[in-house]
């Protein structure tokens, strides 16, 4: 008889390693401001230091942790660092980490209610809480997926189905279809175009509308584009409005876009991946006035609601269309559970992680008021930073401060004019020096041809002293 083996013969080794790992994470958070935000390695450096072949006999946890600290950790960009201001932070939290740990320990697949009733019912309940907190219609259907890119893809797929073209049944090829069109601003996230490519709209099917002085979509231009396309025989399918654009956190008029969508009978999707979570602060909700008229909305708790990546929420007022787009139930997945929700029916994925557990942990541990206070502080510090920068003769704000985003550049003046080439070099030099310092990490952007530095405050551990490092870096050059 062969020797019987189990993968983990006991829990003692796990218990000891787990206690040490939690202590390590706690120490890491306690001292995170002492480590550089950006990884300071060269391409290929980590892969060159790792073993060439997998282990045959296995290695103890302690040895793996030493290799993690010595080889892997130096290549980690510290997204949890209080000085991380690049892109939009996927900020985590202590409660979120504990929720993630529980989710991994349960290791369930929430594809069906039957496959894990708790995963399904907790997700429905937590998303109802979140809808209440955001001021969204509580009758809307919500689902958690990994990222806003996937949720935008799902919304655009539903929009295509709602257009009445029977793409589900007859497909996109081998028949005569009109050109299909999606409309968004030129500041919209690239996920809109990526979703359109994957869904067969093609790059030409994405009509990018110009923006006004506030970087918001031009409603008059949007109206003309839809009318022009109809006259040419194209079929408008969806309008995508953005609340909190990536470059400048600009806000499209949801109400105006909704009026066009309703008149033209097209789907309105609102990308509020970054700024949507800030709507737990009631005073900010006028910024997405008209949101109740949208067909779908995406918000990312992993961006500004202190939930570890990945956790993106899609809400829709038309779950029947979303289900019609994706539901496919083979015999081996049929159940007799009555009127239960099976989340596999509302997207591509069959396997679904227990993401609601970490969102539940975050919302219940911190509470809405504590999270509101942090978000309000981030917005206040963005305003303070913008005020200090705009007071300098050698700095120009490239956009108004919105939410917690500030975009600026260093300027070099020659008499009464600005030397554009010298200003770009000075701006590039400044961001390189700040990022190389290890105390902050900033991203760059280009607006109307001008190269700028973009600051997005969103980490739960950030304090004003971390933001102030940007101002101090400028003062060091004085």
Protein backbone atom coordinates (compact mmCIF):
# COMPACT_ATOMS: atom_id res chain seq x y z
CA UNK A 1 0.00 0.00 0.00
CA UNK A 2 1.40 3.46 -0.89
CA UNK A 3 1.89 5.84 2.00
CA UNK A 4 -1.12 8.06 2.53
CA UNK A 5 -0.24 11.75 2.40
CA UNK A 6 -2.23 14.91 3.08
CA UNK A 7 -1.16 18.35 2.01
CA UNK A 8 -1.21 19.89 5.50
CA UNK A 9 -0.87 17.23 8.22
CA UNK A 10 -1.64 19.72 10.99
CA UNK A 11 -2.15 23.38 11.85
CA UNK A 12 0.75 24.05 14.20
CA UNK A 13 3.17 25.22 11.51
CA UNK A 14 0.41 27.32 9.95
CA UNK A 15 -0.56 28.84 13.28
CA UNK A 16 3.01 29.87 14.08
CA UNK A 17 3.66 31.27 10.59
CA UNK A 18 0.31 33.08 10.59
CA UNK A 19 0.99 34.83 13.90
CA UNK A 20 4.40 35.90 12.62
CA UNK A 21 2.92 37.13 9.36
CA UNK A 22 0.28 39.29 11.06
CA UNK A 23 3.02 40.75 13.27
CA UNK A 24 5.11 41.40 10.16
CA UNK A 25 2.23 43.20 8.44
CA UNK A 26 1.52 45.28 11.57
CA UNK A 27 5.22 46.24 11.81
CA UNK A 28 5.23 47.05 8.09
CA UNK A 29 2.28 49.44 8.48
CA UNK A 30 3.79 51.00 11.60
CA UNK A 31 7.01 51.77 9.73
CA UNK A 32 5.75 52.18 6.17
CA UNK A 33 6.62 55.87 6.03
CA UNK A 34 10.27 54.91 6.42
CA UNK A 35 10.40 52.85 3.22
CA UNK A 36 10.47 54.34 -0.30
CA UNK A 37 7.17 54.46 -2.14
CA UNK A 38 8.64 53.42 -5.48
CA UNK A 39 10.57 50.23 -6.04
CA UNK A 40 14.25 50.94 -6.66
CA UNK A 41 15.28 48.08 -8.90
CA UNK A 42 16.18 47.50 -12.53
CA UNK A 43 14.07 45.41 -14.94
CA UNK A 44 14.83 41.70 -14.57
CA UNK A 45 16.54 42.10 -11.21
CA UNK A 46 13.98 40.12 -9.22
CA UNK A 47 13.55 37.31 -11.73
CA UNK A 48 17.34 36.93 -11.87
CA UNK A 49 17.47 36.51 -8.08
CA UNK A 50 14.75 33.85 -7.91
CA UNK A 51 15.32 30.12 -8.24
CA UNK A 52 15.39 28.74 -11.75
CA UNK A 53 13.42 25.58 -10.94
CA UNK A 54 10.48 24.93 -8.60
CA UNK A 55 11.13 23.26 -5.27
CA UNK A 56 10.91 19.47 -5.22
CA UNK A 57 10.90 18.94 -1.45
CA UNK A 58 9.26 22.17 -0.31
CA UNK A 59 10.61 24.95 1.89
CA UNK A 60 9.63 26.14 5.38
CA UNK A 61 7.58 29.31 5.81
CA UNK A 62 10.41 31.07 7.65
CA UNK A 63 12.75 30.57 4.70
CA UNK A 64 10.10 31.85 2.28
CA UNK A 65 9.57 34.97 4.39
CA UNK A 66 13.29 35.67 4.35
CA UNK A 67 13.29 35.42 0.56
CA UNK A 68 10.21 37.62 0.37
CA UNK A 69 11.87 40.30 2.47
CA UNK A 70 15.24 40.08 0.74
CA UNK A 71 14.25 39.52 -2.89
CA UNK A 72 10.58 40.30 -3.54
CA UNK A 73 9.83 43.20 -1.19
CA UNK A 74 12.44 45.55 -2.71
CA UNK A 75 10.50 45.30 -5.98
CA UNK A 76 7.12 46.19 -4.45
CA UNK A 77 5.74 49.65 -5.14
CA UNK A 78 4.08 50.61 -1.88
CA UNK A 79 0.49 51.43 -2.85
CA UNK A 80 -0.43 51.54 0.85
CA UNK A 81 2.21 54.21 1.52
CA UNK A 82 0.79 57.53 2.81
CA UNK A 83 2.91 59.31 0.20
CA UNK A 84 1.40 57.41 -2.74
CA UNK A 85 -0.31 60.07 -4.86
CA UNK A 86 0.01 58.52 -8.33
CA UNK A 87 -2.92 57.41 -10.51
CA UNK A 88 -5.76 56.61 -8.08
CA UNK A 89 -4.66 54.79 -4.96
CA UNK A 90 -6.05 51.29 -4.46
CA UNK A 91 -5.85 51.99 -0.79
CA UNK A 92 -6.22 49.13 1.65
CA UNK A 93 -6.88 49.10 5.37
CA UNK A 94 -6.35 46.90 8.37
CA UNK A 95 -10.02 45.84 8.42
CA UNK A 96 -9.87 45.10 4.70
CA UNK A 97 -6.83 42.88 5.11
CA UNK A 98 -8.57 40.86 7.82
CA UNK A 99 -11.61 40.50 5.58
CA UNK A 100 -9.38 39.35 2.73
CA UNK A 101 -7.77 36.81 5.05
CA UNK A 102 -11.16 35.38 5.98
CA UNK A 103 -12.17 35.28 2.33
CA UNK A 104 -9.04 33.32 1.43
CA UNK A 105 -9.58 30.97 4.36
CA UNK A 106 -13.17 30.20 3.33
CA UNK A 107 -12.05 29.75 -0.28
CA UNK A 108 -15.60 29.58 -1.63
CA UNK A 109 -16.98 30.03 -5.12
CA UNK A 110 -20.02 32.29 -5.03
CA UNK A 111 -21.29 31.41 -8.50
CA UNK A 112 -24.66 30.13 -7.24
CA UNK A 113 -26.68 30.76 -4.11
CA UNK A 114 -26.35 27.05 -3.44
CA UNK A 115 -22.55 27.07 -3.85
CA UNK A 116 -22.29 29.49 -0.91
CA UNK A 117 -25.50 31.06 0.44
CA UNK A 118 -23.53 33.41 2.71
CA UNK A 119 -21.51 34.83 -0.19
CA UNK A 120 -24.65 35.60 -2.18
CA UNK A 121 -26.72 37.03 0.65
CA UNK A 122 -23.89 39.06 2.17
CA UNK A 123 -23.10 40.56 -1.23
CA UNK A 124 -26.73 41.57 -1.74
CA UNK A 125 -26.97 43.06 1.75
CA UNK A 126 -23.68 44.95 1.69
CA UNK A 127 -24.44 46.40 -1.75
CA UNK A 128 -27.82 47.55 -0.45
CA UNK A 129 -25.99 49.28 2.42
CA UNK A 130 -23.56 50.87 -0.03
CA UNK A 131 -26.40 52.09 -2.25
CA UNK A 132 -28.01 53.72 0.78
CA UNK A 133 -24.70 55.31 1.77
CA UNK A 134 -24.21 56.71 -1.75
CA UNK A 135 -27.77 57.95 -2.10
CA UNK A 136 -28.49 55.59 -5.01
CA UNK A 137 -31.90 54.00 -5.61
CA UNK A 138 -32.01 51.01 -3.26
CA UNK A 139 -34.07 48.99 -5.73
CA UNK A 140 -31.11 48.86 -8.11
CA UNK A 141 -29.30 45.57 -8.56
CA UNK A 142 -25.63 45.44 -7.54
CA UNK A 143 -22.83 42.99 -8.23
CA UNK A 144 -19.17 42.95 -7.18
CA UNK A 145 -16.54 42.21 -9.79
CA UNK A 146 -12.80 42.75 -9.89
CA UNK A 147 -12.31 46.10 -11.62
CA UNK A 148 -14.15 48.98 -13.26
CA UNK A 149 -12.80 47.86 -16.62
CA UNK A 150 -14.76 44.62 -16.37
CA UNK A 151 -17.86 46.36 -15.03
CA UNK A 152 -17.79 48.87 -17.89
CA UNK A 153 -17.45 45.97 -20.31
CA UNK A 154 -20.52 44.31 -18.78
CA UNK A 155 -22.51 47.54 -18.97
CA UNK A 156 -21.62 48.07 -22.62
CA UNK A 157 -22.54 44.47 -23.41
CA UNK A 158 -25.94 45.06 -21.80
CA UNK A 159 -26.29 48.28 -23.80
CA UNK A 160 -25.64 46.36 -27.01
CA UNK A 161 -28.27 43.78 -26.02
CA UNK A 162 -30.76 46.52 -25.14
CA UNK A 163 -30.37 47.95 -28.66
CA UNK A 164 -32.53 45.08 -29.94
CA UNK A 165 -29.99 43.66 -32.40
CA UNK A 166 -30.18 40.06 -31.14
CA UNK A 167 -26.39 39.88 -30.88
CA UNK A 168 -26.79 37.12 -28.28
CA UNK A 169 -28.63 34.91 -30.71
CA UNK A 170 -27.26 35.86 -34.11
CA UNK A 171 -23.81 37.24 -33.30
CA UNK A 172 -21.97 40.15 -34.87
CA UNK A 173 -20.69 38.49 -38.04
CA UNK A 174 -22.21 36.98 -41.16
CA UNK A 175 -25.15 39.37 -41.26
CA UNK A 176 -25.95 42.95 -42.09
CA UNK A 177 -25.67 45.16 -39.02
CA UNK A 178 -25.56 48.96 -38.88
CA UNK A 179 -22.40 50.55 -37.45
CA UNK A 180 -22.79 50.66 -33.66
CA UNK A 181 -21.78 53.71 -31.67
CA UNK A 182 -20.71 54.47 -28.08
CA UNK A 183 -20.24 58.09 -26.97
CA UNK A 184 -17.88 59.34 -24.27
CA UNK A 185 -15.73 62.37 -23.62
CA UNK A 186 -12.14 62.61 -24.78
CA UNK A 187 -11.24 62.46 -21.07
CA UNK A 188 -13.03 59.12 -20.53
CA UNK A 189 -11.09 56.16 -19.17
CA UNK A 190 -9.46 53.82 -21.69
CA UNK A 191 -11.62 50.95 -20.40
CA UNK A 192 -14.51 52.33 -22.48
CA UNK A 193 -12.54 51.89 -25.67
CA UNK A 194 -11.14 48.54 -24.57
CA UNK A 195 -14.64 47.27 -23.83
CA UNK A 196 -15.79 48.46 -27.24
CA UNK A 197 -12.92 46.62 -28.93
CA UNK A 198 -13.74 43.38 -27.13
CA UNK A 199 -17.47 43.69 -27.91
CA UNK A 200 -17.05 44.22 -31.62
CA UNK A 201 -17.91 47.93 -31.79
CA UNK A 202 -14.41 48.59 -33.07
CA UNK A 203 -12.29 51.66 -32.46
CA UNK A 204 -14.37 53.61 -34.96
CA UNK A 205 -17.45 52.75 -32.92
CA UNK A 206 -16.23 54.90 -30.02
CA UNK A 207 -17.09 58.55 -30.63
CA UNK A 208 -14.98 60.78 -28.39
CA UNK A 209 -16.69 64.06 -27.65
CA UNK A 210 -14.75 67.22 -26.91
CA UNK A 211 -14.69 68.81 -23.48
CA UNK A 212 -15.41 72.32 -22.22
CA UNK A 213 -13.29 74.60 -20.06
CA UNK A 214 -14.18 72.45 -17.02
CA UNK A 215 -12.94 69.31 -18.83
CA UNK A 216 -16.53 67.97 -18.94
CA UNK A 217 -18.19 66.48 -21.99
CA UNK A 218 -19.75 69.07 -24.30
CA UNK A 219 -23.46 68.28 -24.29
CA UNK A 220 -24.15 70.25 -27.48
CA UNK A 221 -21.44 68.33 -29.31
CA UNK A 222 -22.81 65.06 -27.93
CA UNK A 223 -26.28 65.87 -29.27
CA UNK A 224 -24.90 66.70 -32.71
CA UNK A 225 -22.84 63.52 -32.82
CA UNK A 226 -25.81 61.29 -32.03
CA UNK A 227 -28.00 63.03 -34.61
CA UNK A 228 -25.27 62.90 -37.24
CA UNK A 229 -24.72 59.18 -36.72
CA UNK A 230 -28.42 58.39 -36.97
CA UNK A 231 -28.63 60.33 -40.23
CA UNK A 232 -25.72 58.26 -41.59
CA UNK A 233 -27.39 54.98 -40.68
CA UNK A 234 -25.38 54.16 -37.55
CA UNK A 235 -27.04 52.81 -34.40
CA UNK A 236 -26.25 54.70 -31.17
CA UNK A 237 -26.07 52.17 -28.31
CA UNK A 238 -24.61 53.87 -25.24
CA UNK A 239 -23.48 57.11 -23.69
CA UNK A 240 -20.77 56.97 -21.02
CA UNK A 241 -20.62 59.89 -18.60
CA UNK A 242 -17.72 60.18 -16.18
CA UNK A 243 -17.86 61.46 -12.61
CA UNK A 244 -14.21 62.00 -11.69
CA UNK A 245 -12.07 61.65 -14.81
CA UNK A 246 -8.62 60.15 -14.48
CA UNK A 247 -6.67 63.19 -15.60
CA UNK A 248 -8.41 65.98 -13.67
CA UNK A 249 -11.35 64.44 -11.72
CA UNK A 250 -13.71 66.38 -13.99
CA UNK A 251 -17.45 65.70 -13.81
CA UNK A 252 -19.73 65.27 -16.80
CA UNK A 253 -23.32 66.44 -16.46
CA UNK A 254 -25.15 63.22 -15.70
CA UNK A 255 -28.55 64.84 -15.90
CA UNK A 256 -27.92 66.36 -19.33
CA UNK A 257 -26.46 63.11 -20.65
CA UNK A 258 -29.44 61.22 -19.22
CA UNK A 259 -31.87 63.49 -21.07
CA UNK A 260 -30.17 62.68 -24.38
CA UNK A 261 -30.01 58.98 -23.57
CA UNK A 262 -33.70 58.88 -22.70
CA UNK A 263 -34.74 60.79 -25.83
CA UNK A 264 -32.55 58.67 -28.09
CA UNK A 265 -33.38 55.41 -26.26
CA UNK A 266 -29.76 54.49 -25.61
CA UNK A 267 -28.09 53.14 -22.48
CA UNK A 268 -26.48 55.59 -20.05
CA UNK A 269 -23.51 54.22 -18.15
CA UNK A 270 -21.79 56.36 -15.51
CA UNK A 271 -18.14 55.73 -14.73
CA UNK A 272 -17.74 56.90 -11.15
CA UNK A 273 -14.98 54.43 -10.30
CA UNK A 274 -12.92 57.01 -8.38
CA UNK A 275 -15.31 59.72 -7.22
CA UNK A 276 -18.39 57.57 -6.72
CA UNK A 277 -17.34 56.32 -3.31
CA UNK A 278 -16.94 59.93 -2.13
CA UNK A 279 -20.70 60.27 -2.44
CA UNK A 280 -21.00 58.76 1.02
CA UNK A 281 -20.53 62.45 1.90
CA UNK A 282 -24.02 63.89 1.23
CA UNK A 283 -22.69 67.35 0.42
CA UNK A 284 -20.92 65.93 -2.67
CA UNK A 285 -23.95 64.27 -4.24
CA UNK A 286 -25.00 67.32 -6.30
CA UNK A 287 -21.91 66.55 -8.39
CA UNK A 288 -23.68 63.53 -9.87
CA UNK A 289 -27.09 65.14 -10.05
CA UNK A 290 -29.38 62.98 -12.17
CA UNK A 291 -27.65 59.72 -11.28
CA UNK A 292 -31.01 58.06 -10.64
CA UNK A 293 -31.69 58.27 -14.40
CA UNK A 294 -28.65 56.15 -15.32
CA UNK A 295 -28.98 52.59 -16.54
CA UNK A 296 -25.73 51.52 -14.86
CA UNK A 297 -23.07 52.98 -12.56
CA UNK A 298 -19.66 51.70 -11.53
CA UNK A 299 -17.99 52.64 -8.22
CA UNK A 300 -14.78 51.18 -6.83
CA UNK A 301 -14.56 50.63 -3.06
CA UNK A 302 -10.93 49.63 -3.68
CA UNK A 303 -10.15 53.17 -4.84
CA UNK A 304 -11.45 55.46 -2.11
CA UNK A 305 -13.35 53.32 0.34
CA UNK A 306 -10.33 51.65 1.92
CA UNK A 307 -11.07 48.13 0.63
CA UNK A 308 -8.09 46.15 -0.73
CA UNK A 309 -8.02 45.55 -4.46
CA UNK A 310 -9.96 44.04 -6.11
CA UNK A 311 -13.50 45.21 -5.35
CA UNK A 312 -15.50 47.09 -7.99
CA UNK A 313 -19.29 47.44 -7.84
CA UNK A 314 -21.66 47.63 -10.79
CA UNK A 315 -25.16 48.90 -10.09
CA UNK A 316 -27.88 48.72 -12.72
CA UNK A 317 -31.50 49.77 -12.93
CA UNK A 318 -32.00 47.09 -15.59
CA UNK A 319 -30.77 43.77 -14.20
CA UNK A 320 -33.12 41.90 -16.52
CA UNK A 321 -31.11 43.12 -19.51
CA UNK A 322 -27.79 42.27 -17.84
CA UNK A 323 -29.09 38.79 -17.07
CA UNK A 324 -30.44 38.30 -20.58
CA UNK A 325 -27.01 39.25 -21.92
CA UNK A 326 -25.00 36.74 -19.91
CA UNK A 327 -27.18 34.05 -18.35
CA UNK A 328 -26.32 30.56 -19.55
CA UNK A 329 -27.19 27.66 -17.27
CA UNK A 330 -25.94 24.19 -18.24
CA UNK A 331 -27.55 21.18 -16.62
CA UNK A 332 -24.80 20.72 -14.06
CA UNK A 333 -25.50 24.20 -12.66
CA UNK A 334 -29.27 23.93 -12.43
CA UNK A 335 -30.71 24.10 -8.93
CA UNK A 336 -34.15 24.10 -7.35
CA UNK A 337 -33.59 26.94 -4.88
CA UNK A 338 -36.54 29.03 -5.94
CA UNK A 339 -36.26 32.79 -6.40
CA UNK A 340 -32.64 33.12 -5.32
CA UNK A 341 -30.03 35.27 -7.04
CA UNK A 342 -27.26 33.40 -8.81
CA UNK A 343 -24.59 35.99 -9.51
CA UNK A 344 -23.06 33.88 -12.29
CA UNK A 345 -26.03 34.98 -14.43
CA UNK A 346 -24.92 38.61 -14.51
CA UNK A 347 -21.45 38.46 -16.02
CA UNK A 348 -18.74 36.41 -17.69
CA UNK A 349 -17.25 34.81 -14.61
CA UNK A 350 -18.42 31.51 -13.23
CA UNK A 351 -15.87 31.51 -10.41
CA UNK A 352 -16.55 34.35 -7.98
CA UNK A 353 -14.46 35.25 -4.94
CA UNK A 354 -16.01 36.14 -1.58
CA UNK A 355 -15.24 39.85 -2.11
CA UNK A 356 -18.23 41.05 -0.12
CA UNK A 357 -16.60 39.78 3.06
CA UNK A 358 -13.86 42.40 3.01
CA UNK A 359 -16.28 45.18 2.03
CA UNK A 360 -18.55 44.12 4.90
CA UNK A 361 -15.58 44.17 7.29
CA UNK A 362 -14.52 47.66 6.17
CA UNK A 363 -17.98 49.21 6.31
CA UNK A 364 -18.91 47.67 9.64
CA UNK A 365 -15.58 48.21 11.43
CA UNK A 366 -14.97 51.82 10.43
CA UNK A 367 -18.55 53.01 9.96
CA UNK A 368 -19.66 55.62 7.45
CA UNK A 369 -18.88 58.67 9.56
CA UNK A 370 -15.26 57.69 10.13
CA UNK A 371 -14.76 57.07 6.42
CA UNK A 372 -16.50 60.35 5.56
CA UNK A 373 -14.09 62.19 7.84
CA UNK A 374 -11.07 60.73 6.04
CA UNK A 375 -12.46 61.52 2.58
CA UNK A 376 -13.27 65.08 3.65
CA UNK A 377 -9.71 65.47 4.96
CA UNK A 378 -8.31 64.33 1.61
CA UNK A 379 -10.44 66.89 -0.22
CA UNK A 380 -9.44 69.61 2.25
CA UNK A 381 -5.75 68.81 1.80
CA UNK A 382 -6.18 68.88 -1.96
CA UNK A 383 -7.59 72.38 -1.62
CA UNK A 384 -4.77 73.44 0.68
CA UNK A 385 -2.16 72.08 -1.71
CA UNK A 386 -3.78 73.83 -4.67
CA UNK A 387 -3.86 77.11 -2.73
CA UNK A 388 -0.18 76.92 -1.77
CA UNK A 389 0.86 75.99 -5.30
CA UNK A 390 -1.18 78.70 -6.99
CA UNK A 391 0.40 81.32 -4.71
CA UNK A 392 3.80 80.64 -6.33
CA UNK A 393 4.96 82.51 -9.44
CA UNK A 394 6.76 79.42 -10.72
CA UNK A 395 3.75 77.09 -10.58
CA UNK A 396 0.62 76.94 -12.71
CA UNK A 397 -2.47 74.89 -11.94
CA UNK A 398 -3.51 73.08 -15.12
CA UNK A 399 -7.02 72.35 -13.84
CA UNK A 400 -9.17 73.39 -10.91
CA UNK A 401 -8.77 71.23 -7.82
CA UNK A 402 -11.62 68.71 -7.80
CA UNK A 403 -12.25 66.11 -5.12
CA UNK A 404 -8.71 65.18 -3.98
CA UNK A 405 -6.94 65.70 -7.31
CA UNK A 406 -4.52 68.54 -8.06
CA UNK A 407 -2.78 68.98 -11.42
CA UNK A 408 0.03 71.50 -11.81
CA UNK A 409 3.27 72.24 -13.59
CA UNK A 410 6.46 74.12 -12.99
CA UNK A 411 6.73 77.18 -15.22
CA UNK A 412 9.78 79.04 -16.47
CA UNK A 413 9.06 82.62 -17.49
CA UNK A 414 10.89 84.70 -20.05
CA UNK A 415 9.65 88.21 -19.47
CA UNK A 416 5.88 88.23 -19.83
CA UNK A 417 5.67 84.83 -21.51
CA UNK A 418 6.19 81.21 -20.50
CA UNK A 419 8.98 79.18 -22.06
CA UNK A 420 7.09 75.96 -22.83
CA UNK A 421 10.12 73.74 -23.48
CA UNK A 422 11.93 74.93 -20.37
CA UNK A 423 8.75 74.54 -18.33
CA UNK A 424 8.34 70.94 -19.43
CA UNK A 425 11.95 70.17 -18.52
CA UNK A 426 11.52 71.84 -15.12
CA UNK A 427 8.29 69.93 -14.46
CA UNK A 428 9.86 66.62 -15.45
CA UNK A 429 12.87 67.35 -13.25
CA UNK A 430 10.67 68.19 -10.27
CA UNK A 431 8.58 65.01 -10.47
CA UNK A 432 11.69 62.89 -10.92
CA UNK A 433 13.29 64.43 -7.81
CA UNK A 434 10.17 63.95 -5.71
CA UNK A 435 9.72 60.35 -6.80
CA UNK A 436 13.40 59.57 -6.30
CA UNK A 437 13.23 60.91 -2.73
CA UNK A 438 11.17 57.91 -1.65
CA UNK A 439 8.77 60.06 0.35
CA UNK A 440 6.13 60.50 -2.35
CA UNK A 441 5.13 59.07 -5.69
CA UNK A 442 3.42 61.33 -8.23
CA UNK A 443 2.09 60.63 -11.71
CA UNK A 444 2.20 62.85 -14.77
CA UNK A 445 -0.32 63.80 -17.42
CA UNK A 446 -0.65 66.02 -20.44
CA UNK A 447 -3.51 68.52 -20.75
CA UNK A 448 -4.02 70.58 -23.90
CA UNK A 449 -0.43 69.91 -24.85
CA UNK A 450 1.03 70.94 -21.50
CA UNK A 451 2.97 68.41 -19.44
CA UNK A 452 1.89 68.36 -15.78
CA UNK A 453 2.18 66.62 -12.43
CA UNK A 454 -0.93 64.96 -11.06
CA UNK A 455 -1.54 64.46 -7.34
CA UNK A 456 -4.39 62.20 -6.17
CA UNK A 457 -4.83 61.90 -2.39
CA UNK A 458 -6.67 58.77 -1.31
CA UNK A 459 -4.78 56.67 1.21
CA UNK A 460 -6.32 56.05 4.61
CA UNK A 461 -2.95 56.57 6.34
CA UNK A 462 -2.12 59.87 4.61
CA UNK A 463 -1.72 63.00 6.74
CA UNK A 464 -1.13 66.60 5.69
CA UNK A 465 2.57 66.25 6.43
CA UNK A 466 2.83 63.71 3.60
CA UNK A 467 1.09 66.02 1.12
CA UNK A 468 3.24 68.93 2.28
CA UNK A 469 6.33 67.14 0.98
CA UNK A 470 5.35 68.33 -2.50
CA UNK A 471 5.46 71.97 -1.39
CA UNK A 472 8.71 71.44 0.50
CA UNK A 473 10.31 69.97 -2.62
CA UNK A 474 9.53 73.19 -4.45
CA UNK A 475 10.87 75.31 -1.62
CA UNK A 476 14.15 73.37 -1.71
CA UNK A 477 14.66 74.67 -5.24
CA UNK A 478 14.15 78.30 -4.19
